Amino acid sequence: MPHYFVSYSSREPHVQILLDALSLVLGAHFQQRRTPEALVSGKSQFDRIVKGIAQASFCVVILDGLRPNVVLEYGIMIGKEKSVLLFQEQFAEVDAPGLFPEGFEVERTPLNIDTQVSDIKDLNRATWFRNDPKKTRRLVLEEYRKKRKEIPDFVEIEGTGPLFN
């Protein structure tokens, strides 16, 4: 089964809602792969990430948290010329505290791509809503369909039934 690779910040607990929506909408046709959770002795996590991205039919980036690893993986996706579905939650923040050692007081700040990652400010980002799972599932389907000409293993997915209504 073809797969898509997801880059996201595991420090953002609400992102699980979007990960579930992706699985529900795309799961019958694509396997979801993410950064390996368990390190394997003798294997590089970075090499496994690059390989997962390279072999993916398409990729998904969830900007919430704006963690450096997500930005790096997004750059690899661009370098590998992968089609990317780009998402940002309505109230996304930058996980600034995660960049500093414990005890160093820094507040989270709203995510503002125009100033924080201005190189991509002109790219369309889909705004998803953690408090509206059905709306988020419909959004996933819409964003996937927009890439029909760019995804080599594209499969038309019907947008009806209780999952979407």
Protein backbone atom coordinates (compact mmCIF):
# COMPACT_ATOMS: atom_id res chain seq x y z
CA MET A 1 0.00 0.00 0.00
CA PRO A 2 1.40 3.46 -0.84
CA HIS A 3 2.07 5.81 2.04
CA TYR A 4 2.19 9.48 2.93
CA PHE A 5 4.68 10.93 5.39
CA VAL A 6 3.54 13.32 8.15
CA SER A 7 5.78 15.84 9.87
CA TYR A 8 4.41 17.35 13.07
CA SER A 9 5.33 18.39 16.60
CA SER A 10 4.62 15.66 19.14
CA ARG A 11 4.62 18.42 21.80
CA GLU A 12 1.26 19.67 20.47
CA PRO A 13 -1.36 17.28 21.93
CA HIS A 14 -4.23 18.67 19.82
CA VAL A 15 -2.45 17.58 16.62
CA GLN A 16 -3.67 14.03 17.31
CA ILE A 17 -7.10 15.22 16.12
CA LEU A 18 -5.69 16.07 12.68
CA LEU A 19 -3.61 12.87 12.57
CA ASP A 20 -6.82 10.90 13.22
CA ALA A 21 -8.67 12.87 10.53
CA LEU A 22 -5.92 12.07 8.04
CA SER A 23 -6.14 8.37 8.91
CA LEU A 24 -9.93 8.31 8.66
CA VAL A 25 -10.05 10.09 5.28
CA LEU A 26 -7.00 8.53 3.61
CA GLY A 27 -6.51 5.26 5.51
CA ALA A 28 -8.28 2.95 3.05
CA HIS A 29 -5.87 3.98 0.30
CA PHE A 30 -2.66 5.17 1.99
CA GLN A 31 -0.66 4.16 5.02
CA GLN A 32 0.33 7.00 7.36
CA ARG A 33 4.01 7.13 8.27
CA ARG A 34 5.63 9.50 10.71
CA THR A 35 8.98 10.12 12.30
CA PRO A 36 9.98 6.77 13.78
CA GLU A 37 8.88 6.61 17.40
CA ALA A 38 11.36 3.93 18.43
CA LEU A 39 15.03 4.15 17.63
CA VAL A 40 16.51 1.00 16.16
CA SER A 41 20.00 -0.05 17.21
CA GLY A 42 22.50 0.62 14.44
CA LYS A 43 20.04 2.69 12.38
CA SER A 44 19.93 6.45 11.94
CA GLN A 45 16.59 8.06 12.70
CA PHE A 46 17.45 10.81 10.21
CA ASP A 47 18.15 8.27 7.45
CA ARG A 48 14.82 6.58 8.14
CA ILE A 49 13.01 9.94 7.94
CA VAL A 50 14.67 10.85 4.63
CA LYS A 51 13.86 7.41 3.22
CA GLY A 52 10.24 7.63 4.41
CA ILE A 53 9.86 11.01 2.73
CA ALA A 54 11.59 9.87 -0.47
CA GLN A 55 9.33 6.83 -0.82
CA ALA A 56 6.09 8.67 0.05
CA SER A 57 3.39 9.33 -2.52
CA PHE A 58 2.92 12.73 -0.91
CA CYS A 59 3.63 14.43 2.41
CA VAL A 60 1.75 16.33 5.10
CA VAL A 61 3.22 19.09 7.26
CA ILE A 62 1.42 20.29 10.38
CA LEU A 63 2.96 23.64 11.32
CA ASP A 64 1.49 23.82 14.85
CA GLY A 65 4.35 24.30 17.30
CA LEU A 66 6.76 25.29 14.51
CA ARG A 67 9.42 22.93 15.88
CA PRO A 68 12.84 22.89 14.15
CA ASN A 69 12.50 19.20 13.22
CA VAL A 70 9.25 19.93 11.37
CA VAL A 71 10.87 22.78 9.45
CA LEU A 72 13.83 20.53 8.57
CA GLU A 73 11.56 17.72 7.37
CA TYR A 74 9.52 20.21 5.33
CA GLY A 75 12.74 21.34 3.67
CA ILE A 76 13.61 17.72 2.84
CA MET A 77 10.15 17.28 1.29
CA ILE A 78 10.70 20.35 -0.89
CA GLY A 79 14.16 19.09 -1.87
CA LYS A 80 12.68 15.71 -2.81
CA GLU A 81 10.00 17.57 -4.83
CA LYS A 82 7.15 15.99 -2.91
CA SER A 83 3.60 17.26 -3.07
CA VAL A 84 2.83 18.64 0.40
CA LEU A 85 -0.47 19.22 2.16
CA LEU A 86 0.26 22.10 4.55
CA PHE A 87 -1.89 22.57 7.68
CA GLN A 88 -2.02 25.11 10.50
CA GLU A 89 -4.58 25.03 13.30
CA GLN A 90 -6.73 28.11 13.80
CA PHE A 91 -5.00 28.96 17.11
CA ALA A 92 -1.55 27.49 16.39
CA GLU A 93 1.35 28.68 18.49
CA VAL A 94 5.13 28.48 18.35
CA ASP A 95 6.48 26.11 20.99
CA ALA A 96 9.16 28.59 22.10
CA PRO A 97 9.54 26.98 25.57
CA GLY A 98 10.59 23.72 23.88
CA LEU A 99 13.67 25.46 22.49
CA PHE A 100 15.09 26.34 25.90
CA PRO A 101 16.28 24.32 28.90
CA GLU A 102 13.90 23.62 31.75
CA GLY A 103 13.61 26.52 34.16
CA PHE A 104 14.17 29.13 31.47
CA GLU A 105 10.90 31.08 31.28
CA VAL A 106 9.65 31.73 27.74
CA GLU A 107 6.03 32.05 26.70
CA ARG A 108 4.36 30.42 23.72
CA THR A 109 3.51 32.88 20.98
CA PRO A 110 0.91 32.78 18.20
CA LEU A 111 2.18 31.23 14.97
CA ASN A 112 2.63 33.90 12.30
CA ILE A 113 4.15 32.44 9.14
CA ASP A 114 4.48 35.89 7.53
CA THR A 115 7.17 36.83 10.05
CA GLN A 116 8.41 33.53 11.51
CA VAL A 117 8.99 31.55 8.27
CA SER A 118 8.57 34.28 5.67
CA ASP A 119 10.01 32.12 2.87
CA ILE A 120 6.71 30.22 2.76
CA LYS A 121 4.31 33.08 3.51
CA ASP A 122 2.98 32.96 -0.06
CA LEU A 123 2.14 29.23 0.12
CA ASN A 124 -1.43 28.20 0.79
CA ARG A 125 -1.93 26.70 4.23
CA ALA A 126 -5.16 25.00 5.18
CA THR A 127 -6.55 26.16 8.50
CA TRP A 128 -7.99 23.29 10.49
CA PHE A 129 -10.17 23.43 13.59
CA ARG A 130 -9.50 21.23 16.62
CA ASN A 131 -13.05 21.76 17.91
CA ASP A 132 -14.74 20.64 14.68
CA PRO A 133 -13.58 17.14 13.64
CA LYS A 134 -16.05 16.80 10.74
CA LYS A 135 -15.00 20.14 9.29
CA THR A 136 -11.37 19.03 9.66
CA ARG A 137 -12.06 15.72 7.85
CA ARG A 138 -13.76 17.62 5.00
CA LEU A 139 -10.75 19.95 4.86
CA VAL A 140 -8.33 17.00 4.64
CA LEU A 141 -10.31 15.63 1.70
CA GLU A 142 -10.40 19.03 -0.05
CA GLU A 143 -6.65 19.54 0.37
CA TYR A 144 -5.93 16.02 -0.87
CA ARG A 145 -8.14 16.52 -3.94
CA LYS A 146 -6.33 19.77 -4.82
CA LYS A 147 -3.17 17.71 -5.35
CA ARG A 148 -4.75 15.12 -7.70
CA LYS A 149 -2.37 15.98 -10.56
CA GLU A 150 0.70 15.95 -8.30
CA ILE A 151 0.16 12.70 -6.37
CA PRO A 152 1.31 9.68 -8.40
CA ASP A 153 -0.96 7.21 -6.55
CA PHE A 154 -3.97 9.55 -6.36
CA VAL A 155 -7.27 7.76 -5.71
CA GLU A 156 -10.61 9.54 -5.83
CA ILE A 157 -12.16 9.40 -2.37
CA GLU A 158 -15.90 9.88 -1.99
CA GLY A 159 -16.78 12.72 0.37
CA THR A 160 -20.16 11.47 1.58
CA GLY A 161 -21.46 9.53 4.53
CA PRO A 162 -21.26 10.03 8.29
CA LEU A 163 -17.53 10.75 8.16
CA PHE A 164 -18.19 14.03 6.34
CA ASN A 165 -21.83 14.97 7.03
